[in-house]
């Protein structure tokens, strides 16, 4: 039970857990790609957005990535952006 589990932590600990969970969820969107693809990924955190940079990204992966990164956007109150470099 998520609620019972989170009752064990302070507010700050809960925020950290939720943020890390959201990052893992977004990363899960790249799971079906090769290790080489995942190692060629970068991230920039700005005041209003979190931008992920990929060496190469297919339209299917981009769609999956955005679906999986919704929670990260909600928790951080930042837009999630994605581009190839």
PDB file of N, CA and C in Angstrom:
ATOM      1  N   UNK A   1       0.836  -1.172   0.000  1.00  0.00           N
ATOM      2  CA  UNK A   1       0.000   0.000   0.000  1.00  0.00           C
ATOM      3  C   UNK A   1       0.889   1.246   0.000  1.00  0.00           C
ATOM      4  N   UNK A   2       0.755   2.040  -1.031  1.00  0.00           N
ATOM      5  CA  UNK A   2       1.604   3.224  -1.193  1.00  0.00           C
ATOM      6  C   UNK A   2       1.449   4.212  -0.036  1.00  0.00           C
ATOM      7  N   UNK A   3       0.221   4.452   0.404  1.00  0.00           N
ATOM      8  CA  UNK A   3      -0.015   5.416   1.483  1.00  0.00           C
ATOM      9  C   UNK A   3       0.626   4.980   2.794  1.00  0.00           C
ATOM     10  N   UNK A   4       0.481   3.717   3.136  1.00  0.00           N
ATOM     11  CA  UNK A   4       1.097   3.208   4.368  1.00  0.00           C
ATOM     12  C   UNK A   4       2.616   3.264   4.280  1.00  0.00           C
ATOM     13  N   UNK A   5       3.141   2.948   3.113  1.00  0.00           N
ATOM     14  CA  UNK A   5       4.586   2.990   2.909  1.00  0.00           C
ATOM     15  C   UNK A   5       5.117   4.409   3.092  1.00  0.00           C
ATOM     16  N   UNK A   6       4.455   5.381   2.501  1.00  0.00           N
ATOM     17  CA  UNK A   6       4.930   6.761   2.572  1.00  0.00           C
ATOM     18  C   UNK A   6       4.749   7.398   3.951  1.00  0.00           C
ATOM     19  N   UNK A   7       3.886   6.863   4.788  1.00  0.00           N
ATOM     20  CA  UNK A   7       3.709   7.397   6.143  1.00  0.00           C
ATOM     21  C   UNK A   7       4.977   7.243   6.978  1.00  0.00           C
ATOM     22  N   UNK A   8       5.861   6.363   6.572  1.00  0.00           N
ATOM     23  CA  UNK A   8       7.096   6.105   7.325  1.00  0.00           C
ATOM     24  C   UNK A   8       8.153   7.188   7.105  1.00  0.00           C
ATOM     25  N   UNK A   9       7.945   8.080   6.149  1.00  0.00           N
ATOM     26  CA  UNK A   9       8.980   9.036   5.768  1.00  0.00           C
ATOM     27  C   UNK A   9       8.564  10.473   6.070  1.00  0.00           C
ATOM     28  N   UNK A  10       9.575  11.320   6.224  1.00  0.00           N
ATOM     29  CA  UNK A  10       9.333  12.752   6.406  1.00  0.00           C
ATOM     30  C   UNK A  10       8.898  13.347   5.069  1.00  0.00           C
ATOM     31  N   UNK A  11       8.410  14.570   5.088  1.00  0.00           N
ATOM     32  CA  UNK A  11       7.990  15.242   3.864  1.00  0.00           C
ATOM     33  C   UNK A  11       9.153  15.344   2.866  1.00  0.00           C
ATOM     34  N   UNK A  12      10.326  15.709   3.349  1.00  0.00           N
ATOM     35  CA  UNK A  12      11.494  15.833   2.473  1.00  0.00           C
ATOM     36  C   UNK A  12      11.859  14.476   1.854  1.00  0.00           C
ATOM     37  N   UNK A  13      11.819  13.420   2.655  1.00  0.00           N
ATOM     38  CA  UNK A  13      12.118  12.080   2.142  1.00  0.00           C
ATOM     39  C   UNK A  13      11.092  11.648   1.093  1.00  0.00           C
ATOM     40  N   UNK A  14       9.821  11.989   1.318  1.00  0.00           N
ATOM     41  CA  UNK A  14       8.777  11.668   0.350  1.00  0.00           C
ATOM     42  C   UNK A  14       9.023  12.378  -0.975  1.00  0.00           C
ATOM     43  N   UNK A  15       9.423  13.649  -0.900  1.00  0.00           N
ATOM     44  CA  UNK A  15       9.698  14.408  -2.117  1.00  0.00           C
ATOM     45  C   UNK A  15      10.838  13.777  -2.905  1.00  0.00           C
ATOM     46  N   UNK A  16      11.871  13.342  -2.207  1.00  0.00           N
ATOM     47  CA  UNK A  16      13.012  12.691  -2.863  1.00  0.00           C
ATOM     48  C   UNK A  16      12.581  11.376  -3.496  1.00  0.00           C
ATOM     49  N   UNK A  17      11.802  10.593  -2.773  1.00  0.00           N
ATOM     50  CA  UNK A  17      11.323   9.303  -3.293  1.00  0.00           C
ATOM     51  C   UNK A  17      10.476   9.519  -4.546  1.00  0.00           C
ATOM     52  N   UNK A  18       9.565  10.479  -4.508  1.00  0.00           N
ATOM     53  CA  UNK A  18       8.707  10.737  -5.656  1.00  0.00           C
ATOM     54  C   UNK A  18       9.504  11.232  -6.857  1.00  0.00           C
ATOM     55  N   UNK A  19      10.482  12.093  -6.621  1.00  0.00           N
ATOM     56  CA  UNK A  19      11.307  12.599  -7.718  1.00  0.00           C
ATOM     57  C   UNK A  19      12.125  11.481  -8.354  1.00  0.00           C
ATOM     58  N   UNK A  20      12.767  10.675  -7.527  1.00  0.00           N
ATOM     59  CA  UNK A  20      13.564   9.571  -8.062  1.00  0.00           C
ATOM     60  C   UNK A  20      12.690   8.551  -8.786  1.00  0.00           C
ATOM     61  N   UNK A  21      11.516   8.305  -8.269  1.00  0.00           N
ATOM     62  CA  UNK A  21      10.587   7.384  -8.931  1.00  0.00           C
ATOM     63  C   UNK A  21      10.181   7.913 -10.305  1.00  0.00           C
ATOM     64  N   UNK A  22       9.940   9.204 -10.386  1.00  0.00           N
ATOM     65  CA  UNK A  22       9.553   9.808 -11.662  1.00  0.00           C
ATOM     66  C   UNK A  22      10.698   9.751 -12.671  1.00  0.00           C
ATOM     67  N   UNK A  23      11.925   9.965 -12.216  1.00  0.00           N
ATOM     68  CA  UNK A  23      13.090   9.867 -13.104  1.00  0.00           C
ATOM     69  C   UNK A  23      13.227   8.444 -13.625  1.00  0.00           C
ATOM     70  N   UNK A  24      13.049   7.469 -12.742  1.00  0.00           N
ATOM     71  CA  UNK A  24      13.127   6.064 -13.162  1.00  0.00           C
ATOM     72  C   UNK A  24      12.023   5.719 -14.153  1.00  0.00           C
ATOM     73  N   UNK A  25      10.856   6.260 -13.942  1.00  0.00           N
ATOM     74  CA  UNK A  25       9.739   6.006 -14.854  1.00  0.00           C
ATOM     75  C   UNK A  25      10.052   6.564 -16.247  1.00  0.00           C
ATOM     76  N   UNK A  26      10.594   7.771 -16.314  1.00  0.00           N
ATOM     77  CA  UNK A  26      10.962   8.358 -17.601  1.00  0.00           C
ATOM     78  C   UNK A  26      12.050   7.517 -18.270  1.00  0.00           C
ATOM     79  N   UNK A  27      13.025   7.079 -17.496  1.00  0.00           N
ATOM     80  CA  UNK A  27      14.105   6.248 -18.042  1.00  0.00           C
ATOM     81  C   UNK A  27      13.563   4.919 -18.555  1.00  0.00           C
ATOM     82  N   UNK A  28      12.519   4.420 -17.911  1.00  0.00           N
ATOM     83  CA  UNK A  28      11.900   3.175 -18.338  1.00  0.00           C
ATOM     84  C   UNK A  28      11.376   3.278 -19.769  1.00  0.00           C
ATOM     85  N   UNK A  29      11.060   4.476 -20.209  1.00  0.00           N
ATOM     86  CA  UNK A  29      10.588   4.686 -21.570  1.00  0.00           C
ATOM     87  C   UNK A  29      11.627   4.347 -22.621  1.00  0.00           C
ATOM     88  N   UNK A  30      12.882   4.250 -22.243  1.00  0.00           N
ATOM     89  CA  UNK A  30      13.954   3.928 -23.193  1.00  0.00           C
ATOM     90  C   UNK A  30      14.396   2.478 -23.093  1.00  0.00           C
ATOM     91  N   UNK A  31      13.687   1.661 -22.320  1.00  0.00           N
ATOM     92  CA  UNK A  31      14.141   0.310 -22.019  1.00  0.00           C
ATOM     93  C   UNK A  31      14.335  -0.598 -23.220  1.00  0.00           C
ATOM     94  N   UNK A  32      13.607  -0.390 -24.292  1.00  0.00           N
ATOM     95  CA  UNK A  32      13.719  -1.316 -25.407  1.00  0.00           C
ATOM     96  C   UNK A  32      14.809  -0.929 -26.403  1.00  0.00           C
ATOM     97  N   UNK A  33      15.518   0.138 -26.126  1.00  0.00           N
ATOM     98  CA  UNK A  33      16.619   0.554 -26.993  1.00  0.00           C
ATOM     99  C   UNK A  33      17.932  -0.078 -26.533  1.00  0.00           C
ATOM    100  N   UNK A  34      18.943  -0.006 -27.367  1.00  0.00           N
ATOM    101  CA  UNK A  34      20.231  -0.608 -27.044  1.00  0.00           C
ATOM    102  C   UNK A  34      20.984   0.175 -25.970  1.00  0.00           C
ATOM    103  N   UNK A  35      21.963  -0.463 -25.366  1.00  0.00           N
ATOM    104  CA  UNK A  35      22.794   0.182 -24.347  1.00  0.00           C
ATOM    105  C   UNK A  35      23.513   1.381 -24.949  1.00  0.00           C
ATOM    106  N   UNK A  36      23.942   1.281 -26.182  1.00  0.00           N
ATOM    107  CA  UNK A  36      24.632   2.400 -26.840  1.00  0.00           C
ATOM    108  C   UNK A  36      23.737   3.628 -26.884  1.00  0.00           C
ATOM    109  N   UNK A  37      22.465   3.431 -27.183  1.00  0.00           N
ATOM    110  CA  UNK A  37      21.528   4.551 -27.232  1.00  0.00           C
ATOM    111  C   UNK A  37      21.403   5.215 -25.869  1.00  0.00           C
ATOM    112  N   UNK A  38      21.246   4.420 -24.852  1.00  0.00           N
ATOM    113  CA  UNK A  38      21.044   4.962 -23.510  1.00  0.00           C
ATOM    114  C   UNK A  38      22.284   5.698 -23.021  1.00  0.00           C
ATOM    115  N   UNK A  39      23.487   5.255 -23.397  1.00  0.00           N
ATOM    116  CA  UNK A  39      24.701   5.943 -22.963  1.00  0.00           C
ATOM    117  C   UNK A  39      24.883   7.277 -23.686  1.00  0.00           C
ATOM    118  N   UNK A  40      24.145   7.504 -24.756  1.00  0.00           N
ATOM    119  CA  UNK A  40      24.234   8.756 -25.497  1.00  0.00           C
ATOM    120  C   UNK A  40      23.028   9.644 -25.207  1.00  0.00           C
ATOM    121  N   UNK A  41      22.762   9.820 -23.932  1.00  0.00           N
ATOM    122  CA  UNK A  41      21.637  10.623 -23.486  1.00  0.00           C
ATOM    123  C   UNK A  41      22.155  11.667 -22.509  1.00  0.00           C
ATOM    124  N   UNK A  42      21.631  12.873 -22.599  1.00  0.00           N
ATOM    125  CA  UNK A  42      22.018  13.931 -21.676  1.00  0.00           C
ATOM    126  C   UNK A  42      20.778  14.629 -21.145  1.00  0.00           C
ATOM    127  N   UNK A  43      20.984  15.448 -20.147  1.00  0.00           N
ATOM    128  CA  UNK A  43      19.854  16.158 -19.538  1.00  0.00           C
ATOM    129  C   UNK A  43      20.316  17.537 -19.063  1.00  0.00           C
ATOM    130  N   UNK A  44      19.448  18.528 -19.260  1.00  0.00           N
ATOM    131  CA  UNK A  44      19.677  19.877 -18.747  1.00  0.00           C
ATOM    132  C   UNK A  44      18.440  20.277 -17.968  1.00  0.00           C
ATOM    133  N   UNK A  45      18.664  20.777 -16.768  1.00  0.00           N
ATOM    134  CA  UNK A  45      17.541  21.216 -15.942  1.00  0.00           C
ATOM    135  C   UNK A  45      17.569  22.739 -15.887  1.00  0.00           C
ATOM    136  N   UNK A  46      16.490  23.327 -16.368  1.00  0.00           N
ATOM    137  CA  UNK A  46      16.365  24.782 -16.366  1.00  0.00           C
ATOM    138  C   UNK A  46      15.225  25.182 -15.443  1.00  0.00           C
ATOM    139  N   UNK A  47      15.029  26.475 -15.283  1.00  0.00           N
ATOM    140  CA  UNK A  47      14.015  26.966 -14.346  1.00  0.00           C
ATOM    141  C   UNK A  47      12.615  26.447 -14.681  1.00  0.00           C
ATOM    142  N   UNK A  48      12.260  26.406 -15.956  1.00  0.00           N
ATOM    143  CA  UNK A  48      10.896  26.019 -16.317  1.00  0.00           C
ATOM    144  C   UNK A  48      10.795  24.684 -17.053  1.00  0.00           C
ATOM    145  N   UNK A  49      11.940  24.047 -17.337  1.00  0.00           N
ATOM    146  CA  UNK A  49      11.880  22.808 -18.121  1.00  0.00           C
ATOM    147  C   UNK A  49      13.040  21.871 -17.801  1.00  0.00           C
ATOM    148  N   UNK A  50      12.812  20.601 -18.085  1.00  0.00           N
ATOM    149  CA  UNK A  50      13.855  19.585 -18.034  1.00  0.00           C
ATOM    150  C   UNK A  50      13.996  19.085 -19.465  1.00  0.00           C
ATOM    151  N   UNK A  51      15.178  19.239 -20.030  1.00  0.00           N
ATOM    152  CA  UNK A  51      15.381  18.876 -21.429  1.00  0.00           C
ATOM    153  C   UNK A  51      16.311  17.674 -21.539  1.00  0.00           C
ATOM    154  N   UNK A  52      15.822  16.649 -22.197  1.00  0.00           N
ATOM    155  CA  UNK A  52      16.607  15.440 -22.447  1.00  0.00           C
ATOM    156  C   UNK A  52      17.159  15.514 -23.859  1.00  0.00           C
ATOM    157  N   UNK A  53      18.432  15.202 -24.014  1.00  0.00           N
ATOM    158  CA  UNK A  53      19.092  15.174 -25.312  1.00  0.00           C
ATOM    159  C   UNK A  53      19.456  13.741 -25.649  1.00  0.00           C
ATOM    160  N   UNK A  54      19.109  13.324 -26.848  1.00  0.00           N
ATOM    161  CA  UNK A  54      19.413  11.980 -27.301  1.00  0.00           C
ATOM    162  C   UNK A  54      20.268  12.044 -28.560  1.00  0.00           C
ATOM    163  N   UNK A  55      21.187  11.107 -28.700  1.00  0.00           N
ATOM    164  CA  UNK A  55      21.981  11.028 -29.925  1.00  0.00           C
ATOM    165  C   UNK A  55      21.054  10.717 -31.095  1.00  0.00           C
ATOM    166  N   UNK A  56      20.120   9.820 -30.854  1.00  0.00           N
ATOM    167  CA  UNK A  56      19.160   9.425 -31.875  1.00  0.00           C
ATOM    168  C   UNK A  56      17.901   8.965 -31.160  1.00  0.00           C
ATOM    169  N   UNK A  57      16.748   9.336 -31.704  1.00  0.00           N
ATOM    170  CA  UNK A  57      15.494   8.908 -31.084  1.00  0.00           C
ATOM    171  C   UNK A  57      14.438   8.701 -32.168  1.00  0.00           C
ATOM    172  N   UNK A  58      13.795   7.564 -32.119  1.00  0.00           N
ATOM    173  CA  UNK A  58      12.748   7.255 -33.091  1.00  0.00           C
ATOM    174  C   UNK A  58      11.446   7.921 -32.647  1.00  0.00           C
ATOM    175  N   UNK A  59      10.525   8.164 -33.576  1.00  0.00           N
ATOM    176  CA  UNK A  59       9.237   8.753 -33.191  1.00  0.00           C
ATOM    177  C   UNK A  59       8.489   7.888 -32.161  1.00  0.00           C
ATOM    178  N   UNK A  60       8.572   6.562 -32.297  1.00  0.00           N
ATOM    179  CA  UNK A  60       7.901   5.670 -31.354  1.00  0.00           C
ATOM    180  C   UNK A  60       8.477   5.824 -29.946  1.00  0.00           C
ATOM    181  N   UNK A  61       9.808   5.885 -29.879  1.00  0.00           N
ATOM    182  CA  UNK A  61      10.464   6.034 -28.582  1.00  0.00           C
ATOM    183  C   UNK A  61      10.150   7.395 -27.973  1.00  0.00           C
ATOM    184  N   UNK A  62      10.118   8.421 -28.795  1.00  0.00           N
ATOM    185  CA  UNK A  62       9.816   9.764 -28.299  1.00  0.00           C
ATOM    186  C   UNK A  62       8.419   9.787 -27.675  1.00  0.00           C
ATOM    187  N   UNK A  63       7.455   9.177 -28.346  1.00  0.00           N
ATOM    188  CA  UNK A  63       6.095   9.106 -27.798  1.00  0.00           C
ATOM    189  C   UNK A  63       6.067   8.342 -26.488  1.00  0.00           C
ATOM    190  N   UNK A  64       6.748   7.216 -26.446  1.00  0.00           N
ATOM    191  CA  UNK A  64       6.789   6.405 -25.214  1.00  0.00           C
ATOM    192  C   UNK A  64       7.468   7.175 -24.085  1.00  0.00           C
ATOM    193  N   UNK A  65       8.555   7.865 -24.412  1.00  0.00           N
ATOM    194  CA  UNK A  65       9.285   8.651 -23.425  1.00  0.00           C
ATOM    195  C   UNK A  65       8.380   9.720 -22.805  1.00  0.00           C
ATOM    196  N   UNK A  66       7.636  10.468 -23.648  1.00  0.00           N
ATOM    197  CA  UNK A  66       6.764  11.518 -23.124  1.00  0.00           C
ATOM    198  C   UNK A  66       5.645  10.951 -22.254  1.00  0.00           C
ATOM    199  N   UNK A  67       5.095   9.809 -22.617  1.00  0.00           N
ATOM    200  CA  UNK A  67       4.061   9.184 -21.787  1.00  0.00           C
ATOM    201  C   UNK A  67       4.619   8.813 -20.419  1.00  0.00           C
ATOM    202  N   UNK A  68       5.837   8.272 -20.406  1.00  0.00           N
ATOM    203  CA  UNK A  68       6.451   7.828 -19.155  1.00  0.00           C
ATOM    204  C   UNK A  68       6.979   8.996 -18.318  1.00  0.00           C
ATOM    205  N   UNK A  69       7.162  10.158 -18.918  1.00  0.00           N
ATOM    206  CA  UNK A  69       7.748  11.283 -18.176  1.00  0.00           C
ATOM    207  C   UNK A  69       6.694  12.241 -17.609  1.00  0.00           C
ATOM    208  N   UNK A  70       5.426  11.925 -17.759  1.00  0.00           N
ATOM    209  CA  UNK A  70       4.369  12.801 -17.225  1.00  0.00           C
ATOM    210  C   UNK A  70       4.491  13.007 -15.719  1.00  0.00           C
ATOM    211  N   UNK A  71       4.794  11.943 -14.997  1.00  0.00           N
ATOM    212  CA  UNK A  71       4.908  12.047 -13.538  1.00  0.00           C
ATOM    213  C   UNK A  71       6.066  12.972 -13.148  1.00  0.00           C
ATOM    214  N   UNK A  72       7.175  12.891 -13.877  1.00  0.00           N
ATOM    215  CA  UNK A  72       8.315  13.772 -13.614  1.00  0.00           C
ATOM    216  C   UNK A  72       7.902  15.232 -13.799  1.00  0.00           C
ATOM    217  N   UNK A  73       7.129  15.508 -14.829  1.00  0.00           N
ATOM    218  CA  UNK A  73       6.639  16.867 -15.077  1.00  0.00           C
ATOM    219  C   UNK A  73       5.723  17.335 -13.940  1.00  0.00           C
ATOM    220  N   UNK A  74       4.835  16.464 -13.498  1.00  0.00           N
ATOM    221  CA  UNK A  74       3.916  16.815 -12.409  1.00  0.00           C
ATOM    222  C   UNK A  74       4.653  17.114 -11.106  1.00  0.00           C
ATOM    223  N   UNK A  75       5.612  16.292 -10.768  1.00  0.00           N
ATOM    224  CA  UNK A  75       6.339  16.441  -9.504  1.00  0.00           C
ATOM    225  C   UNK A  75       7.218  17.684  -9.490  1.00  0.00           C
ATOM    226  N   UNK A  76       7.864  17.977 -10.622  1.00  0.00           N
ATOM    227  CA  UNK A  76       8.796  19.101 -10.671  1.00  0.00           C
ATOM    228  C   UNK A  76       8.150  20.407 -11.120  1.00  0.00           C
ATOM    229  N   UNK A  77       6.911  20.342 -11.607  1.00  0.00           N
ATOM    230  CA  UNK A  77       6.242  21.510 -12.183  1.00  0.00           C
ATOM    231  C   UNK A  77       7.060  22.111 -13.325  1.00  0.00           C
ATOM    232  N   UNK A  78       7.689  21.249 -14.099  1.00  0.00           N
ATOM    233  CA  UNK A  78       8.488  21.685 -15.244  1.00  0.00           C
ATOM    234  C   UNK A  78       8.019  20.949 -16.489  1.00  0.00           C
ATOM    235  N   UNK A  79       8.162  21.610 -17.633  1.00  0.00           N
ATOM    236  CA  UNK A  79       7.879  20.962 -18.910  1.00  0.00           C
ATOM    237  C   UNK A  79       9.005  19.980 -19.207  1.00  0.00           C
ATOM    238  N   UNK A  80       8.651  18.905 -19.862  1.00  0.00           N
ATOM    239  CA  UNK A  80       9.656  17.914 -20.288  1.00  0.00           C
ATOM    240  C   UNK A  80       9.846  18.097 -21.785  1.00  0.00           C
ATOM    241  N   UNK A  81      11.085  18.293 -22.181  1.00  0.00           N
ATOM    242  CA  UNK A  81      11.413  18.476 -23.590  1.00  0.00           C
ATOM    243  C   UNK A  81      12.398  17.393 -24.016  1.00  0.00           C
ATOM    244  N   UNK A  82      12.411  17.142 -25.303  1.00  0.00           N
ATOM    245  CA  UNK A  82      13.238  16.059 -25.831  1.00  0.00           C
ATOM    246  C   UNK A  82      13.752  16.467 -27.210  1.00  0.00           C
ATOM    247  N   UNK A  83      15.047  16.304 -27.444  1.00  0.00           N
ATOM    248  CA  UNK A  83      15.586  16.628 -28.765  1.00  0.00           C
ATOM    249  C   UNK A  83      16.792  15.757 -29.089  1.00  0.00           C
ATOM    250  N   UNK A  84      17.119  15.691 -30.375  1.00  0.00           N
ATOM    251  CA  UNK A  84      18.314  14.981 -30.808  1.00  0.00           C
ATOM    252  C   UNK A  84      19.457  15.984 -30.917  1.00  0.00           C
ATOM    253  N   UNK A  85      20.662  15.518 -30.595  1.00  0.00           N
ATOM    254  CA  UNK A  85      21.824  16.414 -30.725  1.00  0.00           C
ATOM    255  C   UNK A  85      22.799  15.870 -31.710  1.00  0.00           C
TER     256      UNK A  85
END
